[in-house]
Amino acid sequence: MSSDFNLTPVPIQYLDATWNDVSPLLRKAALRSDGRWSIEAIRDEVYKGLQQLWIAYNHEERIVNAFTTSVGNYPNRKVLSYMFMGGEELMEHLDIIDKAVCEFAKLSGCDAIEIIGRIGFKKPGAKVGFNHIGSWFTKDLGGSLNE
């Protein structure tokens, strides 16, 4: 790993100590969920062990990126999903992130990794082996939690 970019999963017992630095980085991604998620709900999922929190910090030990992952089962596959991502120069360090997350996914028994994200991920994702297989569309029928 680069000496100016270090990545680590956050053990649950350190969640409270890191949350004030991490939540602003994840907030924008939560807001893009169209009311499905709040920053509080993400924290609860991490605390329950349903999502894994990862942080990246620079040579000054300042947290510059944060993201969460979740391991889940489809009928025919066990898949690690990137859930929420945010921070500075995230795409520039995607190769480091991908290497660590691939290792974690394999250790967790997964045979694939998925991301449901903005179209801007298409090009950097392709550089680390992700295939763009479609887009995700939503239609709000009212009653959104954001109202």
Protein backbone atom coordinates (compact mmCIF):
# COMPACT_ATOMS: atom_id res chain seq x y z
CA MET A 1 0.00 0.00 0.00
CA SER A 2 1.05 3.52 -0.64
CA SER A 3 2.57 5.25 2.37
CA ASP A 4 0.21 8.19 1.87
CA PHE A 5 -2.95 6.05 1.70
CA ASN A 6 -3.70 3.29 4.18
CA LEU A 7 -6.90 1.27 4.29
CA THR A 8 -8.39 -0.71 7.15
CA PRO A 9 -11.71 -2.19 8.20
CA VAL A 10 -12.98 -0.67 11.45
CA PRO A 11 -13.69 -3.15 14.25
CA ILE A 12 -17.11 -2.54 15.79
CA GLN A 13 -15.57 -1.60 19.13
CA TYR A 14 -13.95 1.43 17.40
CA LEU A 15 -17.08 2.59 15.60
CA ASP A 16 -17.95 5.27 18.15
CA ALA A 17 -14.39 6.63 18.10
CA THR A 18 -14.39 7.04 14.30
CA TRP A 19 -18.03 7.90 13.56
CA ASN A 20 -17.72 11.70 13.84
CA ASP A 21 -14.99 11.65 11.18
CA VAL A 22 -16.70 9.08 8.99
CA SER A 23 -20.35 10.17 8.94
CA PRO A 24 -19.76 13.38 6.93
CA LEU A 25 -17.99 11.29 4.28
CA LEU A 26 -20.91 8.84 4.00
CA ARG A 27 -23.76 11.36 4.35
CA LYS A 28 -23.87 12.33 0.65
CA ALA A 29 -24.14 8.66 -0.36
CA ALA A 30 -26.95 8.13 2.14
CA LEU A 31 -28.81 11.12 0.70
CA ARG A 32 -28.50 9.61 -2.79
CA SER A 33 -30.38 6.51 -1.62
CA ASP A 34 -33.71 8.19 -2.36
CA GLY A 35 -34.92 7.81 1.20
CA ARG A 36 -33.91 4.18 1.59
CA TRP A 37 -31.10 4.95 4.03
CA SER A 38 -30.15 7.54 6.59
CA ILE A 39 -26.72 8.06 8.09
CA GLU A 40 -28.15 6.73 11.37
CA ALA A 41 -29.41 3.56 9.69
CA ILE A 42 -25.99 2.96 8.15
CA ARG A 43 -24.37 3.32 11.58
CA ASP A 44 -26.89 0.89 13.08
CA GLU A 45 -26.14 -1.69 10.37
CA VAL A 46 -22.40 -1.39 10.98
CA TYR A 47 -22.91 -1.64 14.73
CA LYS A 48 -25.00 -4.81 14.27
CA GLY A 49 -22.32 -6.31 12.02
CA LEU A 50 -24.57 -6.27 8.94
CA GLN A 51 -22.26 -3.84 7.13
CA GLN A 52 -18.53 -3.47 7.45
CA LEU A 53 -17.04 0.01 7.77
CA TRP A 54 -13.73 0.69 6.04
CA ILE A 55 -11.61 3.81 6.37
CA ALA A 56 -8.66 5.16 4.47
CA TYR A 57 -6.30 7.61 6.07
CA ASN A 58 -3.39 9.66 4.80
CA HIS A 59 0.16 10.11 6.09
CA GLU A 60 -1.18 12.60 8.66
CA GLU A 61 -3.53 9.85 9.91
CA ARG A 62 -6.54 11.92 8.83
CA ILE A 63 -9.49 9.88 7.55
CA VAL A 64 -9.93 10.80 3.89
CA ASN A 65 -12.27 8.05 2.65
CA ALA A 66 -14.91 5.81 4.12
CA PHE A 67 -17.11 3.12 2.68
CA THR A 68 -19.24 0.24 3.82
CA THR A 69 -19.65 -3.26 2.46
CA SER A 70 -22.18 -5.97 3.11
CA VAL A 71 -22.02 -9.70 2.50
CA GLY A 72 -25.25 -11.20 1.26
CA ASN A 73 -26.68 -14.27 -0.39
CA TYR A 74 -28.57 -14.50 -3.63
CA PRO A 75 -30.17 -17.83 -4.50
CA ASN A 76 -27.11 -18.88 -6.52
CA ARG A 77 -24.24 -16.71 -5.24
CA LYS A 78 -22.69 -15.19 -2.16
CA VAL A 79 -21.79 -11.60 -2.99
CA LEU A 80 -20.04 -8.72 -1.27
CA SER A 81 -21.76 -5.42 -2.04
CA TYR A 82 -20.22 -2.00 -1.78
CA MET A 83 -22.97 -0.05 -0.05
CA PHE A 84 -21.91 3.57 0.62
CA MET A 85 -18.73 5.38 -0.41
CA GLY A 86 -17.42 8.87 0.16
CA GLY A 87 -14.34 10.98 0.58
CA GLU A 88 -11.45 12.56 -1.23
CA GLU A 89 -9.86 11.07 -4.34
CA LEU A 90 -11.67 7.78 -3.80
CA MET A 91 -11.43 6.70 -7.44
CA GLU A 92 -7.69 7.46 -7.55
CA HIS A 93 -7.13 4.81 -4.86
CA LEU A 94 -9.64 2.30 -6.17
CA ASP A 95 -6.93 -0.22 -7.02
CA ILE A 96 -5.78 -0.34 -3.35
CA ILE A 97 -9.36 -0.50 -2.13
CA ASP A 98 -10.28 -3.22 -4.60
CA LYS A 99 -7.33 -5.41 -3.63
CA ALA A 100 -8.21 -5.31 0.08
CA VAL A 101 -11.94 -5.76 -0.47
CA CYS A 102 -11.39 -8.68 -2.87
CA GLU A 103 -9.29 -10.41 -0.23
CA PHE A 104 -11.97 -9.78 2.42
CA ALA A 105 -14.70 -11.04 0.07
CA LYS A 106 -12.82 -14.27 -0.63
CA LEU A 107 -12.20 -14.82 3.10
CA SER A 108 -15.94 -14.28 3.62
CA GLY A 109 -16.77 -17.00 1.10
CA CYS A 110 -18.01 -14.65 -1.63
CA ASP A 111 -17.65 -15.44 -5.29
CA ALA A 112 -18.47 -11.96 -6.60
CA ILE A 113 -18.48 -8.28 -5.71
CA GLU A 114 -21.14 -5.81 -6.81
CA ILE A 115 -21.68 -2.08 -6.77
CA ILE A 116 -24.92 -0.27 -7.43
CA GLY A 117 -23.75 3.26 -8.04
CA ARG A 118 -23.64 6.31 -10.20
CA ILE A 119 -22.63 6.05 -13.84
CA GLY A 120 -19.42 7.91 -12.94
CA PHE A 121 -18.10 4.66 -11.51
CA LYS A 122 -18.19 2.95 -14.91
CA LYS A 123 -14.74 4.03 -16.14
CA PRO A 124 -12.71 3.72 -12.89
CA GLY A 125 -14.55 0.48 -12.07
CA ALA A 126 -13.57 -1.02 -15.41
CA LYS A 127 -9.90 -0.36 -14.58
CA VAL A 128 -10.14 -2.81 -11.65
CA GLY A 129 -12.31 -5.39 -13.42
CA PHE A 130 -15.91 -4.30 -12.86
CA ASN A 131 -18.36 -4.77 -15.74
CA HIS A 132 -21.19 -2.29 -16.23
CA ILE A 133 -24.21 -4.54 -16.73
CA GLY A 134 -27.03 -2.06 -16.37
CA SER A 135 -28.47 0.89 -14.56
CA TRP A 136 -30.79 1.18 -11.62
CA PHE A 137 -34.01 3.16 -12.00
CA THR A 138 -36.48 4.18 -9.31
CA LYS A 139 -39.89 5.79 -9.32
CA ASP A 140 -41.21 7.40 -6.15
CA LEU A 141 -44.87 6.65 -5.48
CA GLY A 142 -45.17 9.06 -2.55
CA GLY A 143 -44.68 8.53 1.12
CA SER A 144 -40.92 8.91 0.90
CA LEU A 145 -39.08 9.16 4.20
CA ASN A 146 -37.39 12.30 2.83
CA GLU A 147 -40.68 14.25 2.77
